[in-house]
Amino acid sequence: MPMIDVLWVKGPNQQKKDAAAAKIADAIHEATGSPLTSIWVNFIEVETDNFYVGHDSLTELRRKRAAAANSTA
C-alpha cells in the first residue's frame, strides 16, 4: 500500500488538494500498478514561518518579493 506524504505551505483550497491528490494517485498507480484504493495521499500543511528556503522563511521571502515589486512599480 503506497502512502505518500505531501508537505506544503498552508493555503491551497480543497479543490487544489483534490486535484493534486488525484494526479499523485494516478502517477503512483501508473508507475506501480497498485490499485487506486490502496494509494493513500496525506497532505501536511506547514505555516510559512516554518518553511525555509536557504536561510529565509517563506514568510520573509514573500515579504522581500512584495517589497521588490513595490519598489519597481
PDB file of N, CA and C in Angstrom:
ATOM      1  N   MET A   1       0.837  -1.166   0.000  1.00  0.00           N
ATOM      2  CA  MET A   1       0.000   0.000   0.000  1.00  0.00           C
ATOM      3  C   MET A   1       0.894   1.246   0.000  1.00  0.00           C
ATOM      4  N   PRO A   2       0.990   1.958  -1.117  1.00  0.00           N
ATOM      5  CA  PRO A   2       1.780   3.186  -1.136  1.00  0.00           C
ATOM      6  C   PRO A   2       1.129   4.282  -0.292  1.00  0.00           C
ATOM      7  N   MET A   3       1.942   4.937   0.518  1.00  0.00           N
ATOM      8  CA  MET A   3       1.494   6.076   1.318  1.00  0.00           C
ATOM      9  C   MET A   3       2.392   7.251   0.973  1.00  0.00           C
ATOM     10  N   ILE A   4       1.805   8.325   0.507  1.00  0.00           N
ATOM     11  CA  ILE A   4       2.565   9.481   0.055  1.00  0.00           C
ATOM     12  C   ILE A   4       2.224  10.665   0.956  1.00  0.00           C
ATOM     13  N   ASP A   5       3.231  11.254   1.576  1.00  0.00           N
ATOM     14  CA  ASP A   5       3.064  12.484   2.352  1.00  0.00           C
ATOM     15  C   ASP A   5       3.468  13.652   1.477  1.00  0.00           C
ATOM     16  N   VAL A   6       2.591  14.647   1.409  1.00  0.00           N
ATOM     17  CA  VAL A   6       2.852  15.851   0.641  1.00  0.00           C
ATOM     18  C   VAL A   6       2.975  16.996   1.638  1.00  0.00           C
ATOM     19  N   LEU A   7       4.169  17.543   1.737  1.00  0.00           N
ATOM     20  CA  LEU A   7       4.428  18.666   2.634  1.00  0.00           C
ATOM     21  C   LEU A   7       4.292  19.934   1.822  1.00  0.00           C
ATOM     22  N   TRP A   8       3.370  20.804   2.232  1.00  0.00           N
ATOM     23  CA  TRP A   8       3.237  22.062   1.517  1.00  0.00           C
ATOM     24  C   TRP A   8       2.746  23.149   2.441  1.00  0.00           C
ATOM     25  N   VAL A   9       2.903  24.375   1.976  1.00  0.00           N
ATOM     26  CA  VAL A   9       2.548  25.536   2.771  1.00  0.00           C
ATOM     27  C   VAL A   9       1.034  25.665   2.818  1.00  0.00           C
ATOM     28  N   LYS A  10       0.513  26.006   3.986  1.00  0.00           N
ATOM     29  CA  LYS A  10      -0.921  26.214   4.159  1.00  0.00           C
ATOM     30  C   LYS A  10      -1.430  27.212   3.138  1.00  0.00           C
ATOM     31  N   GLY A  11      -2.649  26.972   2.703  1.00  0.00           N
ATOM     32  CA  GLY A  11      -3.254  27.961   1.827  1.00  0.00           C
ATOM     33  C   GLY A  11      -4.066  27.398   0.685  1.00  0.00           C
ATOM     34  N   PRO A  12      -3.571  26.396  -0.047  1.00  0.00           N
ATOM     35  CA  PRO A  12      -4.365  25.915  -1.167  1.00  0.00           C
ATOM     36  C   PRO A  12      -5.734  25.413  -0.708  1.00  0.00           C
ATOM     37  N   ASN A  13      -6.750  25.697  -1.518  1.00  0.00           N
ATOM     38  CA  ASN A  13      -8.095  25.289  -1.132  1.00  0.00           C
ATOM     39  C   ASN A  13      -8.313  23.801  -1.383  1.00  0.00           C
ATOM     40  N   GLN A  14      -9.465  23.320  -0.963  1.00  0.00           N
ATOM     41  CA  GLN A  14      -9.758  21.894  -1.064  1.00  0.00           C
ATOM     42  C   GLN A  14      -9.753  21.411  -2.510  1.00  0.00           C
ATOM     43  N   GLN A  15     -10.216  22.223  -3.433  1.00  0.00           N
ATOM     44  CA  GLN A  15     -10.235  21.819  -4.842  1.00  0.00           C
ATOM     45  C   GLN A  15      -8.820  21.570  -5.362  1.00  0.00           C
ATOM     46  N   LYS A  16      -7.865  22.391  -4.939  1.00  0.00           N
ATOM     47  CA  LYS A  16      -6.477  22.186  -5.362  1.00  0.00           C
ATOM     48  C   LYS A  16      -5.907  20.915  -4.745  1.00  0.00           C
ATOM     49  N   LYS A  17      -6.250  20.645  -3.489  1.00  0.00           N
ATOM     50  CA  LYS A  17      -5.802  19.409  -2.850  1.00  0.00           C
ATOM     51  C   LYS A  17      -6.395  18.196  -3.558  1.00  0.00           C
ATOM     52  N   ASP A  18      -7.689  18.277  -3.877  1.00  0.00           N
ATOM     53  CA  ASP A  18      -8.346  17.169  -4.576  1.00  0.00           C
ATOM     54  C   ASP A  18      -7.660  16.880  -5.903  1.00  0.00           C
ATOM     55  N   ALA A  19      -7.359  17.949  -6.651  1.00  0.00           N
ATOM     56  CA  ALA A  19      -6.719  17.785  -7.959  1.00  0.00           C
ATOM     57  C   ALA A  19      -5.314  17.213  -7.813  1.00  0.00           C
ATOM     58  N   ALA A  20      -4.560  17.729  -6.840  1.00  0.00           N
ATOM     59  CA  ALA A  20      -3.197  17.246  -6.622  1.00  0.00           C
ATOM     60  C   ALA A  20      -3.212  15.783  -6.187  1.00  0.00           C
ATOM     61  N   ALA A  21      -4.106  15.437  -5.262  1.00  0.00           N
ATOM     62  CA  ALA A  21      -4.191  14.052  -4.783  1.00  0.00           C
ATOM     63  C   ALA A  21      -4.527  13.103  -5.925  1.00  0.00           C
ATOM     64  N   ALA A  22      -5.439  13.508  -6.797  1.00  0.00           N
ATOM     65  CA  ALA A  22      -5.824  12.654  -7.924  1.00  0.00           C
ATOM     66  C   ALA A  22      -4.638  12.428  -8.858  1.00  0.00           C
ATOM     67  N   LYS A  23      -3.899  13.474  -9.156  1.00  0.00           N
ATOM     68  CA  LYS A  23      -2.745  13.329 -10.063  1.00  0.00           C
ATOM     69  C   LYS A  23      -1.640  12.491  -9.426  1.00  0.00           C
ATOM     70  N   ILE A  24      -1.418  12.687  -8.137  1.00  0.00           N
ATOM     71  CA  ILE A  24      -0.400  11.901  -7.437  1.00  0.00           C
ATOM     72  C   ILE A  24      -0.804  10.427  -7.424  1.00  0.00           C
ATOM     73  N   ALA A  25      -2.052  10.166  -7.066  1.00  0.00           N
ATOM     74  CA  ALA A  25      -2.528   8.770  -7.024  1.00  0.00           C
ATOM     75  C   ALA A  25      -2.453   8.131  -8.406  1.00  0.00           C
ATOM     76  N   ASP A  26      -2.841   8.873  -9.445  1.00  0.00           N
ATOM     77  CA  ASP A  26      -2.760   8.337 -10.809  1.00  0.00           C
ATOM     78  C   ASP A  26      -1.322   8.011 -11.198  1.00  0.00           C
ATOM     79  N   ALA A  27      -0.390   8.885 -10.839  1.00  0.00           N
ATOM     80  CA  ALA A  27       1.022   8.653 -11.178  1.00  0.00           C
ATOM     81  C   ALA A  27       1.569   7.427 -10.454  1.00  0.00           C
ATOM     82  N   ILE A  28       1.222   7.265  -9.182  1.00  0.00           N
ATOM     83  CA  ILE A  28       1.671   6.093  -8.429  1.00  0.00           C
ATOM     84  C   ILE A  28       1.043   4.827  -9.007  1.00  0.00           C
ATOM     85  N   HIS A  29      -0.225   4.908  -9.335  1.00  0.00           N
ATOM     86  CA  HIS A  29      -0.921   3.761  -9.941  1.00  0.00           C
ATOM     87  C   HIS A  29      -0.241   3.360 -11.250  1.00  0.00           C
ATOM     88  N   GLU A  30       0.045   4.343 -12.083  1.00  0.00           N
ATOM     89  CA  GLU A  30       0.690   4.062 -13.371  1.00  0.00           C
ATOM     90  C   GLU A  30       2.084   3.468 -13.184  1.00  0.00           C
ATOM     91  N   ALA A  31       2.829   3.996 -12.234  1.00  0.00           N
ATOM     92  CA  ALA A  31       4.212   3.549 -12.031  1.00  0.00           C
ATOM     93  C   ALA A  31       4.302   2.184 -11.366  1.00  0.00           C
ATOM     94  N   THR A  32       3.342   1.875 -10.474  1.00  0.00           N
ATOM     95  CA  THR A  32       3.472   0.659  -9.678  1.00  0.00           C
ATOM     96  C   THR A  32       2.409  -0.395  -9.971  1.00  0.00           C
ATOM     97  N   GLY A  33       1.316   0.032 -10.583  1.00  0.00           N
ATOM     98  CA  GLY A  33       0.218  -0.889 -10.802  1.00  0.00           C
ATOM     99  C   GLY A  33      -0.642  -1.110  -9.572  1.00  0.00           C
ATOM    100  N   SER A  34      -0.341  -0.405  -8.496  1.00  0.00           N
ATOM    101  CA  SER A  34      -1.151  -0.527  -7.278  1.00  0.00           C
ATOM    102  C   SER A  34      -2.566  -0.039  -7.560  1.00  0.00           C
ATOM    103  N   PRO A  35      -3.560  -0.706  -7.001  1.00  0.00           N
ATOM    104  CA  PRO A  35      -4.924  -0.222  -7.188  1.00  0.00           C
ATOM    105  C   PRO A  35      -5.109   1.135  -6.505  1.00  0.00           C
ATOM    106  N   LEU A  36      -5.907   1.988  -7.135  1.00  0.00           N
ATOM    107  CA  LEU A  36      -6.128   3.322  -6.574  1.00  0.00           C
ATOM    108  C   LEU A  36      -6.651   3.262  -5.144  1.00  0.00           C
ATOM    109  N   THR A  37      -7.429   2.242  -4.841  1.00  0.00           N
ATOM    110  CA  THR A  37      -7.992   2.121  -3.492  1.00  0.00           C
ATOM    111  C   THR A  37      -6.942   1.802  -2.431  1.00  0.00           C
ATOM    112  N   SER A  38      -5.725   1.464  -2.850  1.00  0.00           N
ATOM    113  CA  SER A  38      -4.679   1.182  -1.863  1.00  0.00           C
ATOM    114  C   SER A  38      -3.651   2.312  -1.780  1.00  0.00           C
ATOM    115  N   ILE A  39      -3.852   3.386  -2.533  1.00  0.00           N
ATOM    116  CA  ILE A  39      -2.897   4.506  -2.550  1.00  0.00           C
ATOM    117  C   ILE A  39      -3.423   5.601  -1.635  1.00  0.00           C
ATOM    118  N   TRP A  40      -2.642   5.919  -0.639  1.00  0.00           N
ATOM    119  CA  TRP A  40      -3.027   6.950   0.331  1.00  0.00           C
ATOM    120  C   TRP A  40      -2.170   8.189   0.103  1.00  0.00           C
ATOM    121  N   VAL A  41      -2.806   9.350   0.055  1.00  0.00           N
ATOM    122  CA  VAL A  41      -2.110  10.633  -0.090  1.00  0.00           C
ATOM    123  C   VAL A  41      -2.475  11.477   1.125  1.00  0.00           C
ATOM    124  N   ASN A  42      -1.467  11.933   1.841  1.00  0.00           N
ATOM    125  CA  ASN A  42      -1.656  12.712   3.064  1.00  0.00           C
ATOM    126  C   ASN A  42      -1.014  14.082   2.888  1.00  0.00           C
ATOM    127  N   PHE A  43      -1.797  15.141   3.079  1.00  0.00           N
ATOM    128  CA  PHE A  43      -1.265  16.497   2.993  1.00  0.00           C
ATOM    129  C   PHE A  43      -0.891  16.984   4.385  1.00  0.00           C
ATOM    130  N   ILE A  44       0.338  17.437   4.512  1.00  0.00           N
ATOM    131  CA  ILE A  44       0.832  18.003   5.765  1.00  0.00           C
ATOM    132  C   ILE A  44       1.033  19.487   5.504  1.00  0.00           C
ATOM    133  N   GLU A  45       0.219  20.289   6.149  1.00  0.00           N
ATOM    134  CA  GLU A  45       0.279  21.732   5.913  1.00  0.00           C
ATOM    135  C   GLU A  45       1.209  22.396   6.922  1.00  0.00           C
ATOM    136  N   VAL A  46       2.054  23.270   6.402  1.00  0.00           N
ATOM    137  CA  VAL A  46       3.058  23.945   7.201  1.00  0.00           C
ATOM    138  C   VAL A  46       2.839  25.451   7.101  1.00  0.00           C
ATOM    139  N   GLU A  47       2.946  26.139   8.214  1.00  0.00           N
ATOM    140  CA  GLU A  47       2.866  27.606   8.217  1.00  0.00           C
ATOM    141  C   GLU A  47       4.072  28.184   7.482  1.00  0.00           C
ATOM    142  N   THR A  48       3.904  29.332   6.862  1.00  0.00           N
ATOM    143  CA  THR A  48       5.010  29.941   6.116  1.00  0.00           C
ATOM    144  C   THR A  48       6.199  30.276   7.012  1.00  0.00           C
ATOM    145  N   ASP A  49       5.950  30.507   8.296  1.00  0.00           N
ATOM    146  CA  ASP A  49       7.057  30.782   9.227  1.00  0.00           C
ATOM    147  C   ASP A  49       7.892  29.538   9.506  1.00  0.00           C
ATOM    148  N   ASN A  50       7.370  28.360   9.209  1.00  0.00           N
ATOM    149  CA  ASN A  50       8.068  27.109   9.482  1.00  0.00           C
ATOM    150  C   ASN A  50       8.647  26.448   8.247  1.00  0.00           C
ATOM    151  N   PHE A  51       8.558  27.101   7.103  1.00  0.00           N
ATOM    152  CA  PHE A  51       9.031  26.553   5.838  1.00  0.00           C
ATOM    153  C   PHE A  51      10.169  27.444   5.350  1.00  0.00           C
ATOM    154  N   TYR A  52      11.350  26.888   5.216  1.00  0.00           N
ATOM    155  CA  TYR A  52      12.535  27.674   4.865  1.00  0.00           C
ATOM    156  C   TYR A  52      13.091  27.292   3.507  1.00  0.00           C
ATOM    157  N   VAL A  53      13.586  28.283   2.830  1.00  0.00           N
ATOM    158  CA  VAL A  53      14.373  28.101   1.612  1.00  0.00           C
ATOM    159  C   VAL A  53      15.706  28.772   1.909  1.00  0.00           C
ATOM    160  N   GLY A  54      16.744  27.960   2.042  1.00  0.00           N
ATOM    161  CA  GLY A  54      18.023  28.526   2.463  1.00  0.00           C
ATOM    162  C   GLY A  54      17.896  29.086   3.868  1.00  0.00           C
ATOM    163  N   HIS A  55      18.259  30.336   4.046  1.00  0.00           N
ATOM    164  CA  HIS A  55      18.248  30.965   5.377  1.00  0.00           C
ATOM    165  C   HIS A  55      16.952  31.694   5.685  1.00  0.00           C
ATOM    166  N   ASP A  56      16.070  31.835   4.717  1.00  0.00           N
ATOM    167  CA  ASP A  56      14.880  32.657   4.896  1.00  0.00           C
ATOM    168  C   ASP A  56      13.610  31.809   4.964  1.00  0.00           C
ATOM    169  N   SER A  57      12.727  32.199   5.877  1.00  0.00           N
ATOM    170  CA  SER A  57      11.413  31.553   5.920  1.00  0.00           C
ATOM    171  C   SER A  57      10.620  32.007   4.698  1.00  0.00           C
ATOM    172  N   LEU A  58       9.620  31.242   4.360  1.00  0.00           N
ATOM    173  CA  LEU A  58       8.786  31.621   3.234  1.00  0.00           C
ATOM    174  C   LEU A  58       8.077  32.941   3.518  1.00  0.00           C
ATOM    175  N   THR A  59       7.742  33.195   4.766  1.00  0.00           N
ATOM    176  CA  THR A  59       7.153  34.481   5.138  1.00  0.00           C
ATOM    177  C   THR A  59       8.089  35.612   4.749  1.00  0.00           C
ATOM    178  N   GLU A  60       9.366  35.464   5.084  1.00  0.00           N
ATOM    179  CA  GLU A  60      10.361  36.500   4.771  1.00  0.00           C
ATOM    180  C   GLU A  60      10.575  36.616   3.266  1.00  0.00           C
ATOM    181  N   LEU A  61      10.650  35.512   2.574  1.00  0.00           N
ATOM    182  CA  LEU A  61      10.824  35.556   1.124  1.00  0.00           C
ATOM    183  C   LEU A  61       9.661  36.263   0.444  1.00  0.00           C
ATOM    184  N   ARG A  62       8.454  35.994   0.907  1.00  0.00           N
ATOM    185  CA  ARG A  62       7.281  36.668   0.340  1.00  0.00           C
ATOM    186  C   ARG A  62       7.306  38.158   0.648  1.00  0.00           C
ATOM    187  N   ARG A  63       7.756  38.519   1.857  1.00  0.00           N
ATOM    188  CA  ARG A  63       7.861  39.931   2.211  1.00  0.00           C
ATOM    189  C   ARG A  63       8.862  40.630   1.300  1.00  0.00           C
ATOM    190  N   LYS A  64      10.022  39.993   1.092  1.00  0.00           N
ATOM    191  CA  LYS A  64      11.050  40.566   0.225  1.00  0.00           C
ATOM    192  C   LYS A  64      10.550  40.705  -1.207  1.00  0.00           C
ATOM    193  N   ARG A  65       9.833  39.682  -1.695  1.00  0.00           N
ATOM    194  CA  ARG A  65       9.301  39.730  -3.062  1.00  0.00           C
ATOM    195  C   ARG A  65       8.304  40.881  -3.211  1.00  0.00           C
ATOM    196  N   ALA A  66       7.445  41.048  -2.218  1.00  0.00           N
ATOM    197  CA  ALA A  66       6.452  42.137  -2.262  1.00  0.00           C
ATOM    198  C   ALA A  66       7.137  43.495  -2.221  1.00  0.00           C
ATOM    199  N   ALA A  67       8.174  43.618  -1.384  1.00  0.00           N
ATOM    200  CA  ALA A  67       8.907  44.886  -1.298  1.00  0.00           C
ATOM    201  C   ALA A  67       9.591  45.203  -2.614  1.00  0.00           C
ATOM    202  N   ALA A  68      10.181  44.199  -3.251  1.00  0.00           N
ATOM    203  CA  ALA A  68      10.850  44.403  -4.530  1.00  0.00           C
ATOM    204  C   ALA A  68       9.847  44.798  -5.608  1.00  0.00           C
ATOM    205  N   ALA A  69       8.675  44.177  -5.602  1.00  0.00           N
ATOM    206  CA  ALA A  69       7.655  44.502  -6.595  1.00  0.00           C
ATOM    207  C   ALA A  69       7.146  45.930  -6.394  1.00  0.00           C
ATOM    208  N   ASN A  70       7.020  46.347  -5.141  1.00  0.00           N
ATOM    209  CA  ASN A  70       6.545  47.699  -4.834  1.00  0.00           C
ATOM    210  C   ASN A  70       7.581  48.754  -5.199  1.00  0.00           C
ATOM    211  N   SER A  71       8.855  48.398  -5.088  1.00  0.00           N
ATOM    212  CA  SER A  71       9.906  49.375  -5.391  1.00  0.00           C
ATOM    213  C   SER A  71      10.092  49.568  -6.900  1.00  0.00           C
ATOM    214  N   THR A  72       9.669  48.607  -7.693  1.00  0.00           N
ATOM    215  CA  THR A  72       9.795  48.732  -9.148  1.00  0.00           C
ATOM    216  C   THR A  72       8.518  49.301  -9.775  1.00  0.00           C
ATOM    217  N   ALA A  73       7.464  49.396  -8.971  1.00  0.00           N
ATOM    218  CA  ALA A  73       6.177  49.890  -9.519  1.00  0.00           C
ATOM    219  C   ALA A  73       6.109  51.391  -9.541  1.00  0.00           C
TER     220      ALA A  73
END
